[in-house]
PDB file of all heavy atoms in Angstrom:
ATOM      1  N   ALA A   1      49.531 142.534  72.322  1.00  0.00           N
ATOM      2  CA  ALA A   1      50.758 142.145  73.029  1.00  0.00           C
ATOM      3  C   ALA A   1      50.659 140.723  73.560  1.00  0.00           C
ATOM      4  O   ALA A   1      51.611 139.935  73.460  1.00  0.00           O
ATOM      5  CB  ALA A   1      51.030 143.125  74.167  1.00  0.00           C
ATOM      6  N   ILE A   2      49.512 140.380  74.114  1.00  0.00           N
ATOM      7  CA  ILE A   2      49.313 139.036  74.662  1.00  0.00           C
ATOM      8  C   ILE A   2      49.185 138.011  73.540  1.00  0.00           C
ATOM      9  O   ILE A   2      49.792 136.931  73.581  1.00  0.00           O
ATOM     10  CB  ILE A   2      48.050 139.009  75.554  1.00  0.00           C
ATOM     11  CG1 ILE A   2      48.226 139.935  76.755  1.00  0.00           C
ATOM     12  CG2 ILE A   2      47.748 137.586  76.021  1.00  0.00           C
ATOM     13  CD1 ILE A   2      46.935 140.203  77.515  1.00  0.00           C
ATOM     14  N   GLU A   3      48.427 138.353  72.534  1.00  0.00           N
ATOM     15  CA  GLU A   3      48.154 137.407  71.445  1.00  0.00           C
ATOM     16  C   GLU A   3      49.393 137.089  70.622  1.00  0.00           C
ATOM     17  O   GLU A   3      49.525 135.977  70.086  1.00  0.00           O
ATOM     18  CB  GLU A   3      47.043 137.983  70.554  1.00  0.00           C
ATOM     19  CG  GLU A   3      46.373 136.990  69.643  1.00  0.00           C
ATOM     20  CD  GLU A   3      47.039 136.906  68.284  1.00  0.00           C
ATOM     21  OE1 GLU A   3      47.850 137.801  67.956  1.00  0.00           O
ATOM     22  OE2 GLU A   3      46.744 135.947  67.540  1.00  0.00           O
ATOM     23  N   ALA A   4      50.315 138.043  70.512  1.00  0.00           N
ATOM     24  CA  ALA A   4      51.544 137.814  69.751  1.00  0.00           C
ATOM     25  C   ALA A   4      52.328 136.629  70.312  1.00  0.00           C
ATOM     26  O   ALA A   4      52.994 135.899  69.566  1.00  0.00           O
ATOM     27  CB  ALA A   4      52.407 139.074  69.756  1.00  0.00           C
ATOM     28  N   LYS A   5      52.247 136.434  71.611  1.00  0.00           N
ATOM     29  CA  LYS A   5      52.937 135.298  72.252  1.00  0.00           C
ATOM     30  C   LYS A   5      52.093 134.031  72.168  1.00  0.00           C
ATOM     31  O   LYS A   5      52.589 132.955  71.850  1.00  0.00           O
ATOM     32  CB  LYS A   5      53.248 135.629  73.710  1.00  0.00           C
ATOM     33  CG  LYS A   5      54.179 136.816  73.883  1.00  0.00           C
ATOM     34  CD  LYS A   5      54.388 137.149  75.346  1.00  0.00           C
ATOM     35  CE  LYS A   5      55.282 138.370  75.520  1.00  0.00           C
ATOM     36  NZ  LYS A   5      55.435 138.748  76.958  1.00  0.00           N
ATOM     37  N   ASN A   6      50.807 134.180  72.446  1.00  0.00           N
ATOM     38  CA  ASN A   6      49.937 133.002  72.457  1.00  0.00           C
ATOM     39  C   ASN A   6      49.780 132.357  71.086  1.00  0.00           C
ATOM     40  O   ASN A   6      49.639 131.135  70.973  1.00  0.00           O
ATOM     41  CB  ASN A   6      48.556 133.371  72.997  1.00  0.00           C
ATOM     42  CG  ASN A   6      48.563 133.622  74.489  1.00  0.00           C
ATOM     43  OD1 ASN A   6      49.488 133.216  75.194  1.00  0.00           O
ATOM     44  ND2 ASN A   6      47.535 134.300  74.992  1.00  0.00           N
ATOM     45  N   CYS A   7      49.806 133.163  70.018  1.00  0.00           N
ATOM     46  CA  CYS A   7      49.551 132.625  68.678  1.00  0.00           C
ATOM     47  C   CYS A   7      50.655 131.678  68.215  1.00  0.00           C
ATOM     48  O   CYS A   7      50.461 130.920  67.254  1.00  0.00           O
ATOM     49  CB  CYS A   7      49.361 133.745  67.661  1.00  0.00           C
ATOM     50  SG  CYS A   7      50.881 134.559  67.128  1.00  0.00           S
ATOM     51  N   LEU A   8      51.801 131.691  68.889  1.00  0.00           N
ATOM     52  CA  LEU A   8      52.884 130.788  68.516  1.00  0.00           C
ATOM     53  C   LEU A   8      52.493 129.331  68.723  1.00  0.00           C
ATOM     54  O   LEU A   8      53.141 128.426  68.186  1.00  0.00           O
ATOM     55  CB  LEU A   8      54.137 131.117  69.327  1.00  0.00           C
ATOM     56  CG  LEU A   8      54.719 132.521  69.122  1.00  0.00           C
ATOM     57  CD1 LEU A   8      55.896 132.741  70.067  1.00  0.00           C
ATOM     58  CD2 LEU A   8      55.151 132.726  67.675  1.00  0.00           C
ATOM     59  N   GLN A   9      51.416 129.098  69.494  1.00  0.00           N
ATOM     60  CA  GLN A   9      50.945 127.744  69.739  1.00  0.00           C
ATOM     61  C   GLN A   9      49.959 127.263  68.681  1.00  0.00           C
ATOM     62  O   GLN A   9      49.581 126.090  68.672  1.00  0.00           O
ATOM     63  CB  GLN A   9      50.265 127.672  71.117  1.00  0.00           C
ATOM     64  CG  GLN A   9      51.105 128.208  72.259  1.00  0.00           C
ATOM     65  CD  GLN A   9      52.440 127.502  72.385  1.00  0.00           C
ATOM     66  OE1 GLN A   9      52.505 126.270  72.292  1.00  0.00           O
ATOM     67  NE2 GLN A   9      53.507 128.271  72.575  1.00  0.00           N
ATOM     68  N   ALA A  10      49.530 128.147  67.803  1.00  0.00           N
ATOM     69  CA  ALA A  10      48.495 127.806  66.821  1.00  0.00           C
ATOM     70  C   ALA A  10      48.998 126.802  65.792  1.00  0.00           C
ATOM     71  O   ALA A  10      50.190 126.752  65.478  1.00  0.00           O
ATOM     72  CB  ALA A  10      48.001 129.073  66.127  1.00  0.00           C
ATOM     73  N   ARG A  11      48.065 126.039  65.252  1.00  0.00           N
ATOM     74  CA  ARG A  11      48.380 125.017  64.263  1.00  0.00           C
ATOM     75  C   ARG A  11      47.440 125.137  63.060  1.00  0.00           C
ATOM     76  O   ARG A  11      46.345 125.680  63.179  1.00  0.00           O
ATOM     77  CB  ARG A  11      48.235 123.621  64.879  1.00  0.00           C
ATOM     78  CG  ARG A  11      49.230 123.331  66.002  1.00  0.00           C
ATOM     79  CD  ARG A  11      50.653 123.217  65.451  1.00  0.00           C
ATOM     80  NE  ARG A  11      51.619 122.898  66.498  1.00  0.00           N
ATOM     81  CZ  ARG A  11      52.300 123.783  67.206  1.00  0.00           C
ATOM     82  NH1 ARG A  11      52.085 125.085  67.007  1.00  0.00           N
ATOM     83  NH2 ARG A  11      53.164 123.407  68.118  1.00  0.00           N
ATOM     84  N   PRO A  12      47.848 124.608  61.906  1.00  0.00           N
ATOM     85  CA  PRO A  12      46.959 124.630  60.740  1.00  0.00           C
ATOM     86  C   PRO A  12      45.726 123.764  60.976  1.00  0.00           C
ATOM     87  O   PRO A  12      45.761 122.805  61.763  1.00  0.00           O
ATOM     88  CB  PRO A  12      47.822 124.032  59.621  1.00  0.00           C
ATOM     89  CG  PRO A  12      49.219 124.070  60.123  1.00  0.00           C
ATOM     90  CD  PRO A  12      49.152 123.992  61.604  1.00  0.00           C
ATOM     91  N   PHE A  13      44.659 124.078  60.276  1.00  0.00           N
ATOM     92  CA  PHE A  13      43.475 123.232  60.323  1.00  0.00           C
ATOM     93  C   PHE A  13      43.782 121.868  59.697  1.00  0.00           C
ATOM     94  O   PHE A  13      44.598 121.772  58.774  1.00  0.00           O
ATOM     95  CB  PHE A  13      42.320 123.878  59.557  1.00  0.00           C
ATOM     96  CG  PHE A  13      41.580 124.916  60.347  1.00  0.00           C
ATOM     97  CD1 PHE A  13      41.854 126.260  60.165  1.00  0.00           C
ATOM     98  CD2 PHE A  13      40.600 124.551  61.262  1.00  0.00           C
ATOM     99  CE1 PHE A  13      41.167 127.229  60.887  1.00  0.00           C
ATOM    100  CE2 PHE A  13      39.908 125.505  61.993  1.00  0.00           C
ATOM    101  CZ  PHE A  13      40.198 126.842  61.806  1.00  0.00           C
ATOM    102  N   PRO A  14      43.137 120.821  60.177  1.00  0.00           N
ATOM    103  CA  PRO A  14      43.315 119.496  59.560  1.00  0.00           C
ATOM    104  C   PRO A  14      42.995 119.540  58.063  1.00  0.00           C
ATOM    105  O   PRO A  14      42.011 120.156  57.651  1.00  0.00           O
ATOM    106  CB  PRO A  14      42.291 118.633  60.308  1.00  0.00           C
ATOM    107  CG  PRO A  14      42.099 119.307  61.622  1.00  0.00           C
ATOM    108  CD  PRO A  14      42.218 120.780  61.335  1.00  0.00           C
ATOM    109  N   GLY A  15      43.835 118.895  57.288  1.00  0.00           N
ATOM    110  CA  GLY A  15      43.602 118.811  55.851  1.00  0.00           C
ATOM    111  C   GLY A  15      44.206 119.926  55.026  1.00  0.00           C
ATOM    112  O   GLY A  15      44.270 119.827  53.795  1.00  0.00           O
ATOM    113  N   ILE A  16      44.657 121.010  55.689  1.00  0.00           N
ATOM    114  CA  ILE A  16      45.210 122.154  54.949  1.00  0.00           C
ATOM    115  C   ILE A  16      46.449 121.744  54.152  1.00  0.00           C
ATOM    116  O   ILE A  16      46.589 122.084  52.969  1.00  0.00           O
ATOM    117  CB  ILE A  16      45.554 123.314  55.910  1.00  0.00           C
ATOM    118  CG1 ILE A  16      44.328 124.167  56.184  1.00  0.00           C
ATOM    119  CG2 ILE A  16      46.646 124.202  55.342  1.00  0.00           C
ATOM    120  CD1 ILE A  16      43.889 125.032  55.020  1.00  0.00           C
ATOM    121  N   LYS A  17      47.357 121.038  54.787  1.00  0.00           N
ATOM    122  CA  LYS A  17      48.603 120.708  54.099  1.00  0.00           C
ATOM    123  C   LYS A  17      48.350 119.825  52.889  1.00  0.00           C
ATOM    124  O   LYS A  17      48.967 120.010  51.827  1.00  0.00           O
ATOM    125  CB  LYS A  17      49.585 120.038  55.054  1.00  0.00           C
ATOM    126  CG  LYS A  17      50.995 119.935  54.470  1.00  0.00           C
ATOM    127  CD  LYS A  17      52.036 119.647  55.522  1.00  0.00           C
ATOM    128  CE  LYS A  17      53.438 119.745  54.917  1.00  0.00           C
ATOM    129  NZ  LYS A  17      54.494 119.550  55.938  1.00  0.00           N
ATOM    130  N   ASP A  18      47.437 118.885  53.002  1.00  0.00           N
ATOM    131  CA  ASP A  18      47.122 118.012  51.874  1.00  0.00           C
ATOM    132  C   ASP A  18      46.501 118.801  50.726  1.00  0.00           C
ATOM    133  O   ASP A  18      46.877 118.616  49.565  1.00  0.00           O
ATOM    134  CB  ASP A  18      46.162 116.897  52.309  1.00  0.00           C
ATOM    135  CG  ASP A  18      46.829 115.862  53.196  1.00  0.00           C
ATOM    136  OD1 ASP A  18      48.074 115.778  53.183  1.00  0.00           O
ATOM    137  OD2 ASP A  18      46.101 115.146  53.910  1.00  0.00           O
ATOM    138  N   PHE A  19      45.549 119.681  51.056  1.00  0.00           N
ATOM    139  CA  PHE A  19      44.874 120.431  49.997  1.00  0.00           C
ATOM    140  C   PHE A  19      45.811 121.451  49.359  1.00  0.00           C
ATOM    141  O   PHE A  19      45.871 121.583  48.129  1.00  0.00           O
ATOM    142  CB  PHE A  19      43.628 121.122  50.544  1.00  0.00           C
ATOM    143  CG  PHE A  19      42.878 121.913  49.506  1.00  0.00           C
ATOM    144  CD1 PHE A  19      42.518 121.334  48.295  1.00  0.00           C
ATOM    145  CD2 PHE A  19      42.537 123.234  49.729  1.00  0.00           C
ATOM    146  CE1 PHE A  19      41.822 122.067  47.326  1.00  0.00           C
ATOM    147  CE2 PHE A  19      41.853 123.967  48.769  1.00  0.00           C
ATOM    148  CZ  PHE A  19      41.485 123.382  47.569  1.00  0.00           C
ATOM    149  N   SER A  20      46.565 122.178  50.181  1.00  0.00           N
ATOM    150  CA  SER A  20      47.501 123.164  49.649  1.00  0.00           C
ATOM    151  C   SER A  20      48.580 122.487  48.812  1.00  0.00           C
ATOM    152  O   SER A  20      48.967 122.987  47.748  1.00  0.00           O
ATOM    153  CB  SER A  20      48.136 123.955  50.794  1.00  0.00           C
ATOM    154  OG  SER A  20      48.980 124.973  50.311  1.00  0.00           O
ATOM    155  N   GLY A  21      49.055 121.338  49.277  1.00  0.00           N
ATOM    156  CA  GLY A  21      50.047 120.588  48.514  1.00  0.00           C
ATOM    157  C   GLY A  21      49.492 120.090  47.195  1.00  0.00           C
ATOM    158  O   GLY A  21      50.185 120.091  46.172  1.00  0.00           O
ATOM    159  N   TYR A  22      48.232 119.681  47.225  1.00  0.00           N
ATOM    160  CA  TYR A  22      47.587 119.242  45.982  1.00  0.00           C
ATOM    161  C   TYR A  22      47.507 120.393  44.974  1.00  0.00           C
ATOM    162  O   TYR A  22      47.828 120.217  43.785  1.00  0.00           O
ATOM    163  CB  TYR A  22      46.184 118.715  46.267  1.00  0.00           C
ATOM    164  CG  TYR A  22      45.372 118.491  45.022  1.00  0.00           C
ATOM    165  CD1 TYR A  22      45.569 117.364  44.215  1.00  0.00           C
ATOM    166  CD2 TYR A  22      44.426 119.431  44.616  1.00  0.00           C
ATOM    167  CE1 TYR A  22      44.831 117.177  43.059  1.00  0.00           C
ATOM    168  CE2 TYR A  22      43.680 119.253  43.454  1.00  0.00           C
ATOM    169  CZ  TYR A  22      43.887 118.125  42.678  1.00  0.00           C
ATOM    170  OH  TYR A  22      43.171 117.949  41.519  1.00  0.00           O
ATOM    171  N   LEU A  23      47.093 121.566  45.437  1.00  0.00           N
ATOM    172  CA  LEU A  23      47.019 122.719  44.541  1.00  0.00           C
ATOM    173  C   LEU A  23      48.382 123.024  43.930  1.00  0.00           C
ATOM    174  O   LEU A  23      48.494 123.294  42.726  1.00  0.00           O
ATOM    175  CB  LEU A  23      46.491 123.939  45.292  1.00  0.00           C
ATOM    176  CG  LEU A  23      45.039 123.893  45.771  1.00  0.00           C
ATOM    177  CD1 LEU A  23      44.706 125.154  46.568  1.00  0.00           C
ATOM    178  CD2 LEU A  23      44.082 123.733  44.590  1.00  0.00           C
ATOM    179  N   ALA A  24      49.420 122.979  44.757  1.00  0.00           N
ATOM    180  CA  ALA A  24      50.771 123.238  44.260  1.00  0.00           C
ATOM    181  C   ALA A  24      51.169 122.206  43.211  1.00  0.00           C
ATOM    182  O   ALA A  24      51.788 122.544  42.193  1.00  0.00           O
ATOM    183  CB  ALA A  24      51.765 123.235  45.418  1.00  0.00           C
ATOM    184  N   SER A  25      50.796 120.957  43.434  1.00  0.00           N
ATOM    185  CA  SER A  25      51.149 119.892  42.486  1.00  0.00           C
ATOM    186  C   SER A  25      50.431 120.058  41.147  1.00  0.00           C
ATOM    187  O   SER A  25      50.894 119.528  40.125  1.00  0.00           O
ATOM    188  CB  SER A  25      50.807 118.522  43.082  1.00  0.00           C
ATOM    189  OG  SER A  25      49.405 118.288  43.080  1.00  0.00           O
ATOM    190  N   GLN A  26      49.321 120.792  41.159  1.00  0.00           N
ATOM    191  CA  GLN A  26      48.558 121.036  39.937  1.00  0.00           C
ATOM    192  C   GLN A  26      48.972 122.336  39.242  1.00  0.00           C
ATOM    193  O   GLN A  26      48.351 122.746  38.260  1.00  0.00           O
ATOM    194  CB  GLN A  26      47.058 121.078  40.259  1.00  0.00           C
ATOM    195  CG  GLN A  26      46.509 119.797  40.854  1.00  0.00           C
ATOM    196  CD  GLN A  26      46.721 118.601  39.952  1.00  0.00           C
ATOM    197  OE1 GLN A  26      46.273 118.571  38.808  1.00  0.00           O
ATOM    198  NE2 GLN A  26      47.438 117.596  40.454  1.00  0.00           N
ATOM    199  N   GLY A  27      50.017 122.977  39.765  1.00  0.00           N
ATOM    200  CA  GLY A  27      50.518 124.205  39.149  1.00  0.00           C
ATOM    201  C   GLY A  27      49.745 125.456  39.512  1.00  0.00           C
ATOM    202  O   GLY A  27      49.918 126.501  38.877  1.00  0.00           O
ATOM    203  N   CYS A  28      48.907 125.381  40.544  1.00  0.00           N
ATOM    204  CA  CYS A  28      48.151 126.561  40.976  1.00  0.00           C
ATOM    205  C   CYS A  28      49.038 127.475  41.822  1.00  0.00           C
ATOM    206  O   CYS A  28      49.943 127.014  42.516  1.00  0.00           O
ATOM    207  CB  CYS A  28      46.939 126.138  41.800  1.00  0.00           C
ATOM    208  SG  CYS A  28      45.737 125.132  40.903  1.00  0.00           S
ATOM    209  N   GLN A  29      48.756 128.754  41.740  1.00  0.00           N
ATOM    210  CA  GLN A  29      49.451 129.722  42.581  1.00  0.00           C
ATOM    211  C   GLN A  29      48.621 129.981  43.836  1.00  0.00           C
ATOM    212  O   GLN A  29      47.392 130.069  43.764  1.00  0.00           O
ATOM    213  CB  GLN A  29      49.656 131.045  41.841  1.00  0.00           C
ATOM    214  CG  GLN A  29      50.586 130.963  40.656  1.00  0.00           C
ATOM    215  CD  GLN A  29      50.924 132.349  40.133  1.00  0.00           C
ATOM    216  OE1 GLN A  29      51.982 132.907  40.410  1.00  0.00           O
ATOM    217  NE2 GLN A  29      50.020 132.917  39.361  1.00  0.00           N
ATOM    218  N   GLN A  30      49.318 130.134  44.965  1.00  0.00           N
ATOM    219  CA  GLN A  30      48.640 130.420  46.224  1.00  0.00           C
ATOM    220  C   GLN A  30      49.250 131.667  46.857  1.00  0.00           C
ATOM    221  O   GLN A  30      50.468 131.871  46.811  1.00  0.00           O
ATOM    222  CB  GLN A  30      48.760 129.218  47.162  1.00  0.00           C
ATOM    223  CG  GLN A  30      48.083 127.972  46.600  1.00  0.00           C
ATOM    224  CD  GLN A  30      48.269 126.776  47.496  1.00  0.00           C
ATOM    225  OE1 GLN A  30      47.654 126.672  48.565  1.00  0.00           O
ATOM    226  NE2 GLN A  30      49.109 125.839  47.070  1.00  0.00           N
ATOM    227  N   PHE A  31      48.370 132.469  47.461  1.00  0.00           N
ATOM    228  CA  PHE A  31      48.785 133.744  48.020  1.00  0.00           C
ATOM    229  C   PHE A  31      48.197 133.915  49.423  1.00  0.00           C
ATOM    230  O   PHE A  31      47.077 133.476  49.700  1.00  0.00           O
ATOM    231  CB  PHE A  31      48.314 134.898  47.136  1.00  0.00           C
ATOM    232  CG  PHE A  31      48.846 134.832  45.733  1.00  0.00           C
ATOM    233  CD1 PHE A  31      48.131 134.162  44.740  1.00  0.00           C
ATOM    234  CD2 PHE A  31      50.062 135.409  45.402  1.00  0.00           C
ATOM    235  CE1 PHE A  31      48.626 134.083  43.439  1.00  0.00           C
ATOM    236  CE2 PHE A  31      50.558 135.337  44.107  1.00  0.00           C
ATOM    237  CZ  PHE A  31      49.836 134.668  43.125  1.00  0.00           C
ATOM    238  N   LEU A  32      48.970 134.558  50.280  1.00  0.00           N
ATOM    239  CA  LEU A  32      48.522 134.875  51.624  1.00  0.00           C
ATOM    240  C   LEU A  32      47.942 136.281  51.636  1.00  0.00           C
ATOM    241  O   LEU A  32      48.540 137.206  51.093  1.00  0.00           O
ATOM    242  CB  LEU A  32      49.706 134.794  52.595  1.00  0.00           C
ATOM    243  CG  LEU A  32      49.434 135.167  54.057  1.00  0.00           C
ATOM    244  CD1 LEU A  32      48.459 134.188  54.696  1.00  0.00           C
ATOM    245  CD2 LEU A  32      50.741 135.220  54.839  1.00  0.00           C
ATOM    246  N   LEU A  33      46.781 136.437  52.269  1.00  0.00           N
ATOM    247  CA  LEU A  33      46.164 137.751  52.343  1.00  0.00           C
ATOM    248  C   LEU A  33      45.593 137.918  53.755  1.00  0.00           C
ATOM    249  O   LEU A  33      44.511 137.425  54.046  1.00  0.00           O
ATOM    250  CB  LEU A  33      45.056 137.878  51.289  1.00  0.00           C
ATOM    251  CG  LEU A  33      44.745 139.283  50.795  1.00  0.00           C
ATOM    252  CD1 LEU A  33      43.995 139.240  49.474  1.00  0.00           C
ATOM    253  CD2 LEU A  33      43.952 140.066  51.819  1.00  0.00           C
ATOM    254  N   THR A  34      46.356 138.579  54.612  1.00  0.00           N
ATOM    255  CA  THR A  34      46.000 138.597  56.030  1.00  0.00           C
ATOM    256  C   THR A  34      46.186 139.968  56.668  1.00  0.00           C
ATOM    257  O   THR A  34      47.014 140.765  56.221  1.00  0.00           O
ATOM    258  CB  THR A  34      46.863 137.560  56.793  1.00  0.00           C
ATOM    259  OG1 THR A  34      46.513 137.586  58.186  1.00  0.00           O
ATOM    260  CG2 THR A  34      48.351 137.851  56.654  1.00  0.00           C
ATOM    261  N   HIS A  35      45.402 140.208  57.719  1.00  0.00           N
ATOM    262  CA  HIS A  35      45.589 141.402  58.548  1.00  0.00           C
ATOM    263  C   HIS A  35      46.688 141.196  59.579  1.00  0.00           C
ATOM    264  O   HIS A  35      47.086 142.132  60.266  1.00  0.00           O
ATOM    265  CB  HIS A  35      44.282 141.748  59.282  1.00  0.00           C
ATOM    266  CG  HIS A  35      43.170 142.155  58.366  1.00  0.00           C
ATOM    267  ND1 HIS A  35      41.845 142.072  58.727  1.00  0.00           N
ATOM    268  CD2 HIS A  35      43.184 142.662  57.104  1.00  0.00           C
ATOM    269  CE1 HIS A  35      41.097 142.514  57.734  1.00  0.00           C
ATOM    270  NE2 HIS A  35      41.882 142.870  56.735  1.00  0.00           N
ATOM    271  N   ARG A  36      47.148 139.961  59.708  1.00  0.00           N
ATOM    272  CA  ARG A  36      48.221 139.649  60.648  1.00  0.00           C
ATOM    273  C   ARG A  36      49.558 140.136  60.088  1.00  0.00           C
ATOM    274  O   ARG A  36      49.718 140.299  58.877  1.00  0.00           O
ATOM    275  CB  ARG A  36      48.266 138.140  60.920  1.00  0.00           C
ATOM    276  CG  ARG A  36      49.263 137.735  62.003  1.00  0.00           C
ATOM    277  CD  ARG A  36      49.155 136.247  62.295  1.00  0.00           C
ATOM    278  NE  ARG A  36      47.945 135.926  63.052  1.00  0.00           N
ATOM    279  CZ  ARG A  36      47.813 136.051  64.353  1.00  0.00           C
ATOM    280  NH1 ARG A  36      48.835 136.502  65.085  1.00  0.00           N
ATOM    281  NH2 ARG A  36      46.682 135.743  64.963  1.00  0.00           N
ATOM    282  N   ASN A  37      50.544 140.312  60.951  1.00  0.00           N
ATOM    283  CA  ASN A  37      51.848 140.783  60.507  1.00  0.00           C
ATOM    284  C   ASN A  37      52.712 139.624  59.986  1.00  0.00           C
ATOM    285  O   ASN A  37      52.219 138.529  59.724  1.00  0.00           O
ATOM    286  CB  ASN A  37      52.556 141.553  61.631  1.00  0.00           C
ATOM    287  CG  ASN A  37      52.763 140.690  62.873  1.00  0.00           C
ATOM    288  OD1 ASN A  37      52.791 139.460  62.813  1.00  0.00           O
ATOM    289  ND2 ASN A  37      52.927 141.346  64.003  1.00  0.00           N
ATOM    290  N   GLN A  38      54.007 139.889  59.895  1.00  0.00           N
ATOM    291  CA  GLN A  38      54.951 138.918  59.330  1.00  0.00           C
ATOM    292  C   GLN A  38      54.949 137.582  60.065  1.00  0.00           C
ATOM    293  O   GLN A  38      55.410 136.567  59.526  1.00  0.00           O
ATOM    294  CB  GLN A  38      56.362 139.520  59.368  1.00  0.00           C
ATOM    295  CG  GLN A  38      57.416 138.766  58.582  1.00  0.00           C
ATOM    296  CD  GLN A  38      57.223 138.887  57.079  1.00  0.00           C
ATOM    297  OE1 GLN A  38      56.545 139.811  56.616  1.00  0.00           O
ATOM    298  NE2 GLN A  38      57.805 137.975  56.320  1.00  0.00           N
ATOM    299  N   SER A  39      54.408 137.547  61.260  1.00  0.00           N
ATOM    300  CA  SER A  39      54.358 136.293  62.016  1.00  0.00           C
ATOM    301  C   SER A  39      53.580 135.215  61.275  1.00  0.00           C
ATOM    302  O   SER A  39      53.812 134.017  61.494  1.00  0.00           O
ATOM    303  CB  SER A  39      53.732 136.526  63.402  1.00  0.00           C
ATOM    304  OG  SER A  39      52.369 136.931  63.293  1.00  0.00           O
ATOM    305  N   ALA A  40      52.675 135.624  60.409  1.00  0.00           N
ATOM    306  CA  ALA A  40      51.914 134.634  59.629  1.00  0.00           C
ATOM    307  C   ALA A  40      52.853 133.810  58.750  1.00  0.00           C
ATOM    308  O   ALA A  40      52.709 132.582  58.640  1.00  0.00           O
ATOM    309  CB  ALA A  40      50.863 135.330  58.781  1.00  0.00           C
TER     310      ALA A  40
END
């Protein structure tokens, strides 16, 4: 209950957007696999 509110402040790790964007530009598929709910 507490974490559901606090996690809204979380941010991606540095470099994630560049690397993920690079993979997308190379035609790679990316998938999310998490124990977290739809908030992810």
